[in-house]
Amino acid sequence: MGRAVLRRHDLRLLSGPPQVTSTSAPRSSGALRVWCAFALLMVLVTVPLFSTVLPPLFDYPNHLARMHLLKQGGDAFDAVRWGPLPNLAEDLIVPPLARLIPLEIASRLFLGMTFGLIAGGAILLNRAATGAWRLWPLLAFLLLYNRIFLWGFVNYLFGIGLALGGAALWLALERERRWLRIFSSSLVALACFFSHIAAFGFYALVISGVEAAPAFAELGARRWPALVRRIGIAGAQFVVPTALFLGNWQAKAGGAVSYAGFWRKADLLFSVFDNYDRTFDVACFALFLGLIGWLAWTRRLRLMPRLGWAACLVFAAYLLLPSQMYGGSGADHRLPTAWFLLLVASSAPGFPSRRAAITIGIAAASVLLVRLTVIEHVWREADGIYSADLVGIDGLPRGVKLAVAYPADAVHVVGIPEVHLATLAIPRREAFVPTLFALPAQQPVALRPPYLALAEAVPPQRLWAGLVGGDSIELVRLLPALQKYDYIVFTDHRPVRVPSSRCIEPVFERPTFQIFTVVHDPGCASPEG
């Protein structure tokens, strides 16, 4: 619908596309050229997704285990409980797709869809804002492999892609009938909400920013009917998601609100390029900022006015957001990627000459290729480690109860994360793994009551402290509950050294991933054991 409207209208509602001299980049690159380049870049950025045994994203194994349970309808340990949760993008797409193709392929396709939505949304928003098809928004491909992606926050990133495309549709339908605009934008807002609550918040900020300038103009001119109409049309799309949020999700959510150091905000901007090689990633970020800064300094960036308001509003929200909110971690960590994507989509730079534009394009493509090479290299290294670890998981009996132990500082993005690898025993061995993501306010999967109590009795970090850290008090508390498990996985990003004990015996040992069997002995349920 949005593309059809874009073909019908050359929008000039954002003060019109910038005037470009004969020595500037072409005013319109042409839809065919833009989408052909998009297709080529999509092939390149998805190569790592399909060339490895398991994408080394921190939360990915846990998500994969949940997709298996949703596809199967639950198991003896976990129940499927659907509800209007604002975190369902992958949950709604992958399980049905996995009934047609293998789950591992379906999950990777979802990652590819996320890339396509983000880059495609940036292109469409730039087209709606500037009135021309440009190669410039393809710069979004440089931002796809960011720190948020390496964490595995894929529902949020999927929602960001929807938000960018939805903002483009909102602008494209500005001259269409009101009912069509309200209906279409309501569907987008609802899709963003169900993808992820933070993506919905980003979309709401963008729409608010887009409508701010004309609303203030109407307010200054005291055009009250026009102002009320604008607020009503823009606000209608948020009614249902807001009602769902207040009535279903917020009541279940918990957790404290906390702020990290304010100067940390500057460092978090680097997360859009922070991957595996700090020196190289800093250089890439510096080049990216240098390009944006040079264009802004020479007044060539040409930010579209109404989207400029949106970018300012999103950045202000980033500065004000806490780091921990309602049980969600890294609330402010998520916005830099979305903000930079919006900045790229909102601008139409005019380069000094065609040669300068081509040079910058070649440089950007070269940086992307080198970054993808580095990523592919690290992911291939992860292949060898994951393949070896999965041998240990596949050697477990079916239906076992598998405890997990790791230190507190293991919950951190590293090149080859293994913290959640144990959850793959759920799809591969039909096991009970207490670290499965199953929070009532966030996932449509819940541990059945007896196993919820069992999971709460043996937290991973406390189990590590008792068995590896030598905390005897912790060990005394955990021993009785530990007898209800069959095996324990010990994992860390450093070599694991588990002290000998007659109550656990090693059955699989790798440097950073080890499996021990639990000796079921009455003596091991007491402090003396």
Protein backbone atom coordinates (compact mmCIF):
# COMPACT_ATOMS: atom_id res chain seq x y z
CA MET A 1 0.00 0.00 0.00
CA GLY A 2 2.76 2.42 1.00
CA ARG A 3 4.76 1.87 -2.19
CA ALA A 4 1.64 2.35 -4.31
CA VAL A 5 0.98 5.68 -2.65
CA LEU A 6 4.63 6.67 -3.05
CA ARG A 7 4.33 6.08 -6.78
CA ARG A 8 1.25 8.29 -6.93
CA HIS A 9 2.57 11.22 -4.98
CA ASP A 10 5.77 13.21 -5.01
CA LEU A 11 5.41 14.36 -1.42
CA ARG A 12 6.41 17.92 -0.69
CA LEU A 13 4.97 18.13 2.78
CA LEU A 14 8.35 18.21 4.47
CA SER A 15 9.42 21.48 2.88
CA GLY A 16 10.16 19.62 -0.34
CA PRO A 17 13.27 17.76 -1.41
CA PRO A 18 16.46 19.80 -1.28
CA GLN A 19 17.58 21.65 -4.36
CA VAL A 20 20.57 19.95 -5.94
CA THR A 21 22.95 21.64 -8.33
CA SER A 22 24.29 20.01 -11.46
CA THR A 23 27.46 19.04 -9.60
CA SER A 24 25.55 17.29 -6.82
CA ALA A 25 24.45 13.68 -6.56
CA PRO A 26 21.44 12.86 -8.76
CA ARG A 27 18.12 13.89 -7.31
CA SER A 28 16.68 10.43 -7.79
CA SER A 29 18.70 7.26 -8.08
CA GLY A 30 15.69 5.44 -9.47
CA ALA A 31 13.70 2.72 -7.71
CA LEU A 32 15.21 -0.08 -9.80
CA ARG A 33 18.80 0.86 -8.98
CA VAL A 34 18.03 1.28 -5.27
CA TRP A 35 16.22 -2.04 -4.90
CA CYS A 36 18.81 -3.93 -6.95
CA ALA A 37 21.51 -2.60 -4.63
CA PHE A 38 19.29 -3.53 -1.69
CA ALA A 39 18.97 -7.12 -2.95
CA LEU A 40 22.74 -7.44 -3.46
CA LEU A 41 23.52 -6.10 0.00
CA MET A 42 20.88 -8.38 1.56
CA VAL A 43 22.68 -11.38 0.08
CA LEU A 44 25.97 -10.18 1.54
CA VAL A 45 24.74 -9.44 5.06
CA THR A 46 22.85 -12.73 5.36
CA VAL A 47 25.83 -14.91 4.43
CA PRO A 48 27.00 -15.26 8.08
CA LEU A 49 23.47 -16.20 9.17
CA PHE A 50 23.39 -19.30 6.99
CA SER A 51 27.06 -20.30 6.94
CA THR A 52 27.37 -21.39 10.57
CA VAL A 53 25.97 -24.10 12.83
CA LEU A 54 24.55 -21.52 15.24
CA PRO A 55 24.67 -17.71 15.00
CA PRO A 56 26.67 -16.64 18.10
CA LEU A 57 24.08 -14.21 19.43
CA PHE A 58 23.90 -14.18 23.22
CA ASP A 59 20.18 -14.97 23.64
CA TYR A 60 19.74 -16.92 20.40
CA PRO A 61 19.86 -20.50 21.83
CA ASN A 62 17.25 -19.53 24.42
CA HIS A 63 14.99 -18.09 21.73
CA LEU A 64 15.46 -21.22 19.63
CA ALA A 65 14.40 -23.42 22.55
CA ARG A 66 11.27 -21.32 23.05
CA MET A 67 10.40 -21.54 19.34
CA HIS A 68 10.60 -25.34 19.63
CA LEU A 69 8.20 -25.34 22.58
CA LEU A 70 5.75 -23.06 20.78
CA LYS A 71 5.86 -25.26 17.72
CA GLN A 72 5.27 -28.40 19.83
CA GLY A 73 2.64 -26.82 22.05
CA GLY A 74 4.74 -27.18 25.20
CA ASP A 75 6.13 -30.24 26.98
CA ALA A 76 6.09 -31.95 30.37
CA PHE A 77 8.03 -29.08 31.95
CA ASP A 78 6.84 -25.97 30.08
CA ALA A 79 3.37 -24.76 29.10
CA VAL A 80 2.40 -22.43 26.25
CA ARG A 81 0.34 -19.48 27.50
CA TRP A 82 -0.49 -16.94 24.84
CA GLY A 83 -1.44 -13.41 25.75
CA PRO A 84 -1.24 -9.87 24.36
CA LEU A 85 2.44 -9.52 25.26
CA PRO A 86 4.56 -6.74 23.73
CA ASN A 87 7.42 -9.08 22.76
CA LEU A 88 6.04 -11.57 20.23
CA ALA A 89 7.57 -10.90 16.81
CA GLU A 90 9.63 -14.07 16.56
CA ASP A 91 7.09 -16.08 18.56
CA LEU A 92 4.33 -15.34 16.05
CA ILE A 93 6.40 -15.89 12.90
CA VAL A 94 8.94 -18.67 13.46
CA PRO A 95 6.83 -21.53 14.95
CA PRO A 96 4.27 -21.53 12.07
CA LEU A 97 7.13 -21.29 9.57
CA ALA A 98 8.91 -24.16 11.34
CA ARG A 99 5.98 -26.44 10.50
CA LEU A 100 6.98 -26.08 6.85
CA ILE A 101 10.78 -26.00 7.09
CA PRO A 102 13.32 -27.01 9.77
CA LEU A 103 13.24 -24.82 12.88
CA GLU A 104 16.90 -23.82 12.51
CA ILE A 105 16.24 -22.49 8.99
CA ALA A 106 13.01 -20.75 10.02
CA SER A 107 14.80 -18.95 12.84
CA ARG A 108 17.59 -17.78 10.55
CA LEU A 109 15.04 -16.59 8.01
CA PHE A 110 13.53 -14.46 10.74
CA LEU A 111 16.93 -12.84 11.31
CA GLY A 112 17.13 -12.18 7.58
CA MET A 113 13.61 -10.71 7.63
CA THR A 114 14.73 -8.39 10.42
CA PHE A 115 17.65 -7.14 8.33
CA GLY A 116 15.36 -6.64 5.35
CA LEU A 117 12.75 -4.74 7.36
CA ILE A 118 15.33 -2.40 8.87
CA ALA A 119 17.14 -1.57 5.64
CA GLY A 120 13.94 -1.54 3.56
CA GLY A 121 12.19 0.64 6.13
CA ALA A 122 15.05 3.15 6.01
CA ILE A 123 14.82 3.28 2.20
CA LEU A 124 11.04 3.79 2.18
CA LEU A 125 11.15 6.44 4.90
CA ASN A 126 13.85 8.32 3.03
CA ARG A 127 11.74 8.13 -0.14
CA ALA A 128 8.65 9.43 1.66
CA ALA A 129 10.62 12.22 3.32
CA THR A 130 12.69 13.44 0.37
CA GLY A 131 10.44 12.61 -2.57
CA ALA A 132 13.23 10.72 -4.38
CA TRP A 133 14.80 7.27 -4.49
CA ARG A 134 18.34 7.57 -3.15
CA LEU A 135 21.24 5.22 -2.50
CA TRP A 136 22.07 7.12 0.69
CA PRO A 137 19.74 5.14 3.04
CA LEU A 138 21.59 1.95 2.04
CA LEU A 139 24.06 3.15 4.66
CA ALA A 140 21.68 1.38 7.07
CA PHE A 141 23.35 -1.92 6.11
CA LEU A 142 26.44 -0.75 7.99
CA LEU A 143 24.36 -0.62 11.18
CA LEU A 144 22.77 -4.08 11.06
CA TYR A 145 25.46 -5.99 12.97
CA ASN A 146 25.31 -3.90 16.11
CA ARG A 147 25.69 -4.69 19.80
CA ILE A 148 21.92 -5.06 20.29
CA PHE A 149 21.87 -7.69 17.54
CA LEU A 150 24.78 -9.56 19.16
CA TRP A 151 22.79 -9.62 22.40
CA GLY A 152 20.04 -11.34 20.41
CA PHE A 153 17.34 -8.68 20.98
CA VAL A 154 15.77 -9.67 17.68
CA ASN A 155 12.12 -8.89 18.49
CA TYR A 156 13.08 -5.30 19.21
CA LEU A 157 15.09 -4.95 16.00
CA PHE A 158 12.25 -6.50 13.99
CA GLY A 159 9.94 -3.89 15.52
CA ILE A 160 12.35 -1.08 14.62
CA GLY A 161 12.13 -2.17 10.98
CA LEU A 162 8.34 -2.08 11.21
CA ALA A 163 8.48 1.36 12.83
CA LEU A 164 10.64 2.82 10.06
CA GLY A 165 8.37 1.39 7.36
CA GLY A 166 5.30 2.49 9.32
CA ALA A 167 6.59 6.06 9.54
CA ALA A 168 7.09 6.02 5.77
CA LEU A 169 3.49 4.85 5.31
CA TRP A 170 2.25 7.56 7.68
CA LEU A 171 3.89 10.25 5.56
CA ALA A 172 2.85 8.68 2.28
CA LEU A 173 -0.82 8.62 3.31
CA GLU A 174 -0.88 12.22 4.53
CA ARG A 175 -3.03 13.35 1.61
CA GLU A 176 -5.21 10.27 1.55
CA ARG A 177 -8.58 9.78 3.21
CA ARG A 178 -8.52 9.93 6.99
CA TRP A 179 -10.09 6.51 7.53
CA LEU A 180 -7.41 4.89 5.38
CA ARG A 181 -4.63 6.63 7.26
CA ILE A 182 -6.08 5.78 10.67
CA PHE A 183 -6.73 2.16 9.73
CA SER A 184 -3.27 1.60 8.21
CA SER A 185 -1.37 3.36 10.99
CA SER A 186 -3.36 1.46 13.64
CA LEU A 187 -2.24 -1.82 12.11
CA VAL A 188 1.38 -0.61 12.10
CA ALA A 189 1.19 0.56 15.72
CA LEU A 190 -0.31 -2.75 16.79
CA ALA A 191 2.37 -4.68 14.87
CA CYS A 192 5.10 -2.61 16.54
CA PHE A 193 3.52 -3.19 19.95
CA PHE A 194 3.36 -6.96 19.53
CA SER A 195 6.92 -6.98 18.16
CA HIS A 196 8.40 -5.24 21.20
CA ILE A 197 7.29 -2.55 23.61
CA ALA A 198 10.47 -0.52 23.03
CA ALA A 199 9.91 -0.60 19.26
CA PHE A 200 6.37 0.66 19.84
CA GLY A 201 7.80 3.47 21.96
CA PHE A 202 10.23 4.38 19.19
CA TYR A 203 7.40 4.44 16.63
CA ALA A 204 5.29 6.66 18.90
CA LEU A 205 8.21 9.08 19.30
CA VAL A 206 8.78 9.26 15.53
CA ILE A 207 5.11 9.95 14.78
CA SER A 208 4.99 12.55 17.57
CA GLY A 209 8.08 14.25 16.14
CA VAL A 210 6.69 14.24 12.61
CA GLU A 211 3.46 15.89 13.76
CA ALA A 212 5.10 18.32 16.21
CA ALA A 213 6.02 21.11 13.76
CA PRO A 214 2.63 21.43 12.03
CA ALA A 215 0.85 21.04 15.38
CA PHE A 216 2.84 23.93 16.88
CA ALA A 217 2.14 26.00 13.76
CA GLU A 218 -1.59 25.37 14.14
CA LEU A 219 -1.36 26.13 17.84
CA GLY A 220 0.39 29.45 17.16
CA ALA A 221 -2.16 30.38 14.54
CA ARG A 222 -4.98 29.28 16.89
CA ARG A 223 -6.38 26.95 14.29
CA TRP A 224 -8.09 24.85 16.92
CA PRO A 225 -10.18 22.56 14.65
CA ALA A 226 -7.13 21.68 12.56
CA LEU A 227 -5.05 21.03 15.70
CA VAL A 228 -7.70 18.82 17.27
CA ARG A 229 -8.12 16.93 14.00
CA ARG A 230 -4.36 16.38 13.71
CA ILE A 231 -4.06 15.11 17.28
CA GLY A 232 -7.09 12.88 16.85
CA ILE A 233 -5.85 11.27 13.63
CA ALA A 234 -2.32 10.77 14.98
CA GLY A 235 -3.48 9.57 18.39
CA ALA A 236 -6.10 7.10 17.16
CA GLN A 237 -3.46 4.53 16.22
CA PHE A 238 -2.16 4.33 19.78
CA VAL A 239 -5.47 3.71 21.54
CA VAL A 240 -5.57 -0.09 21.30
CA PRO A 241 -1.86 -0.72 22.03
CA THR A 242 -1.99 1.64 25.01
CA ALA A 243 -5.07 -0.13 26.38
CA LEU A 244 -3.34 -3.49 25.99
CA PHE A 245 -0.22 -2.17 27.69
CA LEU A 246 -2.07 -0.75 30.68
CA GLY A 247 -4.52 -3.59 31.04
CA ASN A 248 -2.37 -6.64 30.47
CA TRP A 249 1.36 -6.10 30.46
CA GLN A 250 2.19 -3.40 32.96
CA ALA A 251 0.23 -5.10 35.72
CA LYS A 252 2.45 -8.17 35.35
CA ALA A 253 5.74 -6.40 34.92
CA GLY A 254 8.01 -5.76 37.84
CA GLY A 255 11.49 -4.70 38.68
CA ALA A 256 13.22 -1.55 39.77
CA VAL A 257 13.99 1.53 37.71
CA SER A 258 17.68 2.43 37.82
CA TYR A 259 20.11 4.72 36.01
CA ALA A 260 23.74 4.11 35.15
CA GLY A 261 26.28 6.94 35.00
CA PHE A 262 25.10 9.71 32.66
CA TRP A 263 28.41 9.87 30.81
CA ARG A 264 27.82 6.23 29.87
CA LYS A 265 25.31 7.58 27.36
CA ALA A 266 28.13 8.86 25.13
CA ASP A 267 29.84 5.47 25.17
CA LEU A 268 26.60 3.64 24.32
CA LEU A 269 26.43 5.46 20.97
CA PHE A 270 29.39 3.31 19.94
CA SER A 271 27.21 0.20 20.31
CA VAL A 272 26.06 0.57 16.70
CA PHE A 273 29.52 -0.58 15.57
CA ASP A 274 30.74 -2.48 18.63
CA ASN A 275 31.34 -6.05 17.45
CA TYR A 276 34.54 -8.08 17.88
CA ASP A 277 37.65 -5.99 17.16
CA ARG A 278 37.63 -2.84 19.29
CA THR A 279 40.30 -0.98 17.28
CA PHE A 280 38.65 -1.71 13.94
CA ASP A 281 35.14 -1.01 15.27
CA VAL A 282 36.23 2.34 16.73
CA ALA A 283 37.78 3.26 13.39
CA CYS A 284 34.55 2.37 11.58
CA PHE A 285 32.50 4.40 14.04
CA ALA A 286 34.87 7.35 13.66
CA LEU A 287 34.55 7.22 9.87
CA PHE A 288 30.75 7.07 10.15
CA LEU A 289 30.61 10.00 12.57
CA GLY A 290 33.17 11.85 10.45
CA LEU A 291 30.96 11.52 7.38
CA ILE A 292 27.84 12.69 9.22
CA GLY A 293 29.78 15.49 10.93
CA TRP A 294 31.37 16.71 7.71
CA LEU A 295 28.01 16.77 5.94
CA ALA A 296 26.42 18.63 8.85
CA TRP A 297 29.31 21.11 9.18
CA THR A 298 29.23 21.94 5.46
CA ARG A 299 25.43 22.11 5.54
CA ARG A 300 25.16 19.25 3.09
CA LEU A 301 23.40 16.73 5.38
CA ARG A 302 20.00 18.32 4.67
CA LEU A 303 17.90 16.76 7.38
CA MET A 304 14.21 16.77 6.46
CA PRO A 305 12.55 19.25 8.86
CA ARG A 306 9.72 17.15 10.34
CA LEU A 307 11.88 14.04 10.65
CA GLY A 308 14.50 16.27 12.22
CA TRP A 309 12.01 16.94 15.00
CA ALA A 310 11.50 13.19 15.32
CA ALA A 311 15.26 12.58 15.56
CA CYS A 312 15.56 15.23 18.29
CA LEU A 313 12.69 13.67 20.24
CA VAL A 314 14.19 10.17 20.02
CA PHE A 315 17.58 11.45 21.15
CA ALA A 316 16.02 13.32 24.07
CA ALA A 317 14.24 10.10 25.10
CA TYR A 318 17.58 8.28 24.93
CA LEU A 319 19.14 10.79 27.33
CA LEU A 320 16.22 10.49 29.77
CA LEU A 321 15.69 6.72 29.71
CA PRO A 322 17.01 4.61 32.61
CA SER A 323 19.19 1.57 32.05
CA GLN A 324 16.82 -0.76 33.94
CA MET A 325 13.03 -0.46 33.79
CA TYR A 326 10.11 -2.79 34.57
CA GLY A 327 12.19 -5.95 34.50
CA GLY A 328 13.87 -5.04 31.21
CA SER A 329 17.60 -4.46 31.08
CA GLY A 330 19.38 -1.99 28.81
CA ALA A 331 16.31 0.17 28.15
CA ASP A 332 18.48 3.06 26.96
CA HIS A 333 20.99 0.74 25.25
CA ARG A 334 18.46 -0.03 22.52
CA LEU A 335 17.86 3.50 21.21
CA PRO A 336 21.23 4.45 19.65
CA THR A 337 20.79 1.96 16.80
CA ALA A 338 17.25 3.17 16.14
CA TRP A 339 18.35 6.82 16.33
CA PHE A 340 21.18 6.43 13.82
CA LEU A 341 18.88 4.54 11.46
CA LEU A 342 16.35 7.37 11.72
CA LEU A 343 19.09 9.93 11.12
CA VAL A 344 20.16 8.16 7.93
CA ALA A 345 16.56 7.77 6.72
CA SER A 346 15.79 11.44 7.47
CA SER A 347 18.57 13.01 5.44
CA ALA A 348 19.30 13.74 1.80
CA PRO A 349 22.94 14.82 1.56
CA GLY A 350 24.17 16.84 -1.35
CA PHE A 351 27.75 15.88 -2.16
CA PRO A 352 30.17 18.34 -3.81
CA SER A 353 30.34 16.24 -6.98
CA ARG A 354 29.34 12.92 -8.46
CA ARG A 355 32.91 11.72 -8.00
CA ALA A 356 32.75 12.52 -4.29
CA ALA A 357 29.46 10.64 -3.95
CA ILE A 358 30.91 7.59 -5.75
CA THR A 359 34.06 7.68 -3.62
CA ILE A 360 32.04 7.76 -0.40
CA GLY A 361 29.83 4.95 -1.69
CA ILE A 362 32.83 2.78 -2.52
CA ALA A 363 34.38 3.52 0.90
CA ALA A 364 31.14 2.58 2.69
CA ALA A 365 30.86 -0.65 0.69
CA SER A 366 34.48 -1.50 1.46
CA VAL A 367 33.95 -0.96 5.20
CA LEU A 368 30.87 -3.18 5.06
CA LEU A 369 32.77 -5.96 3.29
CA VAL A 370 35.63 -5.86 5.78
CA ARG A 371 33.21 -5.88 8.71
CA LEU A 372 31.36 -8.86 7.25
CA THR A 373 34.69 -10.65 6.78
CA VAL A 374 35.58 -10.11 10.43
CA ILE A 375 32.12 -11.30 11.51
CA GLU A 376 32.32 -14.39 9.31
CA HIS A 377 35.75 -15.22 10.73
CA VAL A 378 34.55 -15.00 14.33
CA TRP A 379 31.38 -16.94 13.57
CA ARG A 380 33.37 -19.71 11.91
CA GLU A 381 35.47 -19.97 15.08
CA ALA A 382 32.24 -20.21 17.05
CA ASP A 383 31.19 -23.06 14.74
CA GLY A 384 33.95 -25.31 16.00
CA ILE A 385 33.21 -24.58 19.66
CA TYR A 386 29.44 -24.95 19.35
CA SER A 387 29.74 -28.16 17.35
CA ALA A 388 31.90 -29.67 20.10
CA ASP A 389 29.61 -28.45 22.90
CA LEU A 390 26.54 -29.86 21.18
CA VAL A 391 28.14 -33.31 21.23
CA GLY A 392 27.92 -33.16 25.03
CA ILE A 393 24.29 -32.03 24.94
CA ASP A 394 23.35 -34.72 22.43
CA GLY A 395 24.91 -37.34 24.72
CA LEU A 396 22.39 -36.64 27.50
CA PRO A 397 19.44 -39.02 28.05
CA ARG A 398 16.05 -37.72 26.98
CA GLY A 399 13.85 -36.01 29.51
CA VAL A 400 16.60 -35.16 32.01
CA LYS A 401 16.57 -32.20 34.37
CA LEU A 402 19.61 -30.07 33.62
CA ALA A 403 20.78 -27.41 36.08
CA VAL A 404 22.96 -24.55 34.84
CA ALA A 405 25.78 -22.76 36.67
CA TYR A 406 27.65 -19.66 35.55
CA PRO A 407 29.24 -16.64 37.31
CA ALA A 408 27.56 -13.25 37.51
CA ASP A 409 29.95 -11.63 35.01
CA ALA A 410 29.19 -14.29 32.39
CA VAL A 411 26.05 -12.38 31.38
CA HIS A 412 27.94 -10.28 28.88
CA VAL A 413 28.37 -10.26 25.11
CA VAL A 414 31.58 -12.03 24.12
CA GLY A 415 32.77 -13.34 20.78
CA ILE A 416 31.44 -16.84 21.37
CA PRO A 417 28.74 -16.78 24.10
CA GLU A 418 27.83 -20.11 25.70
CA VAL A 419 25.72 -19.03 28.67
CA HIS A 420 22.42 -20.06 27.07
CA LEU A 421 23.73 -22.99 25.06
CA ALA A 422 22.37 -25.47 27.63
CA THR A 423 18.80 -24.50 26.67
CA LEU A 424 19.32 -26.33 23.38
CA ALA A 425 18.86 -29.51 25.42
CA ILE A 426 15.15 -28.62 25.29
CA PRO A 427 14.69 -29.15 21.52
CA ARG A 428 17.47 -31.73 21.19
CA ARG A 429 16.89 -33.89 24.29
CA GLU A 430 13.42 -32.88 25.56
CA ALA A 431 15.09 -31.79 28.78
CA PHE A 432 14.12 -29.42 31.59
CA VAL A 433 16.44 -26.41 31.66
CA PRO A 434 15.60 -23.80 34.34
CA THR A 435 17.25 -20.88 32.50
CA LEU A 436 14.66 -20.89 29.70
CA PHE A 437 13.20 -17.40 29.18
CA ALA A 438 9.70 -17.83 30.61
CA LEU A 439 8.71 -14.55 32.26
CA PRO A 440 4.90 -14.03 32.34
CA ALA A 441 5.17 -10.41 31.12
CA GLN A 442 7.60 -11.16 28.30
CA GLN A 443 7.20 -14.66 26.82
CA PRO A 444 4.21 -16.88 25.92
CA VAL A 445 5.90 -19.85 27.63
CA ALA A 446 5.75 -20.59 31.35
CA LEU A 447 7.38 -23.20 33.55
CA ARG A 448 4.82 -25.55 35.04
CA PRO A 449 4.42 -24.88 38.80
CA PRO A 450 6.55 -27.76 40.16
CA TYR A 451 9.39 -26.90 37.80
CA LEU A 452 9.10 -23.18 38.40
CA ALA A 453 9.76 -23.88 42.07
CA LEU A 454 12.65 -26.15 41.12
CA ALA A 455 14.16 -23.46 38.87
CA GLU A 456 13.88 -20.83 41.60
CA ALA A 457 15.55 -23.17 44.10
CA VAL A 458 18.78 -23.45 42.10
CA PRO A 459 19.70 -20.09 40.45
CA PRO A 460 22.72 -20.35 38.11
CA GLN A 461 24.88 -17.74 39.84
CA ARG A 462 24.26 -19.14 43.32
CA LEU A 463 24.98 -22.66 42.08
CA TRP A 464 28.27 -21.43 40.64
CA ALA A 465 29.14 -19.69 43.91
CA GLY A 466 28.48 -22.87 45.88
CA LEU A 467 30.16 -25.45 43.66
CA VAL A 468 32.90 -23.42 41.98
CA GLY A 469 33.35 -20.35 44.17
CA GLY A 470 33.66 -22.30 47.42
CA ASP A 471 30.74 -20.60 49.18
CA SER A 472 29.88 -23.29 51.73
CA ILE A 473 26.80 -21.47 53.04
CA GLU A 474 25.36 -21.27 49.54
CA LEU A 475 26.20 -24.91 48.94
CA VAL A 476 24.35 -26.01 52.09
CA ARG A 477 21.22 -24.22 50.86
CA LEU A 478 21.39 -25.70 47.37
CA LEU A 479 22.28 -29.36 48.01
CA PRO A 480 18.74 -30.63 48.78
CA ALA A 481 17.23 -29.01 45.66
CA LEU A 482 20.17 -30.08 43.52
CA GLN A 483 19.30 -33.72 44.23
CA LYS A 484 16.18 -33.23 42.11
CA TYR A 485 18.34 -32.59 39.03
CA ASP A 486 20.15 -35.16 36.90
CA TYR A 487 22.97 -33.10 35.41
CA ILE A 488 24.66 -29.70 35.73
CA VAL A 489 26.19 -27.56 32.98
CA PHE A 490 29.05 -25.29 34.06
CA THR A 491 29.92 -22.55 31.59
CA ASP A 492 31.91 -19.33 31.48
CA HIS A 493 33.84 -17.31 28.91
CA ARG A 494 37.00 -18.31 30.81
CA PRO A 495 38.24 -21.88 31.38
CA VAL A 496 36.03 -23.65 33.92
CA ARG A 497 37.62 -25.42 36.90
CA VAL A 498 35.11 -27.28 39.05
CA PRO A 499 36.54 -28.56 42.39
CA SER A 500 36.19 -32.29 42.88
CA SER A 501 33.20 -33.50 44.88
CA ARG A 502 31.72 -36.92 45.49
CA CYS A 503 28.27 -35.49 44.75
CA ILE A 504 28.96 -34.55 41.11
CA GLU A 505 30.98 -36.40 38.48
CA PRO A 506 32.22 -35.06 35.11
CA VAL A 507 30.75 -36.66 31.99
CA PHE A 508 31.73 -34.07 29.36
CA GLU A 509 34.58 -31.59 29.60
CA ARG A 510 35.42 -28.71 27.33
CA PRO A 511 37.41 -25.65 28.42
CA THR A 512 34.40 -23.36 28.81
CA PHE A 513 31.49 -25.81 28.76
CA GLN A 514 31.34 -28.83 31.07
CA ILE A 515 28.61 -31.29 32.02
CA PHE A 516 28.53 -33.12 35.36
CA THR A 517 26.14 -35.78 36.52
CA VAL A 518 24.49 -35.35 39.91
CA VAL A 519 25.15 -38.28 42.26
CA HIS A 520 21.83 -39.17 43.86
CA ASP A 521 22.88 -40.05 47.36
CA PRO A 522 21.13 -39.11 50.64
CA GLY A 523 24.51 -38.01 51.95
CA CYS A 524 24.76 -35.40 49.20
CA ALA A 525 21.56 -33.73 50.36
CA SER A 526 23.19 -32.67 53.60
CA PRO A 527 26.00 -30.22 54.44
CA GLU A 528 28.35 -33.10 55.16
CA GLY A 529 27.79 -34.40 51.64
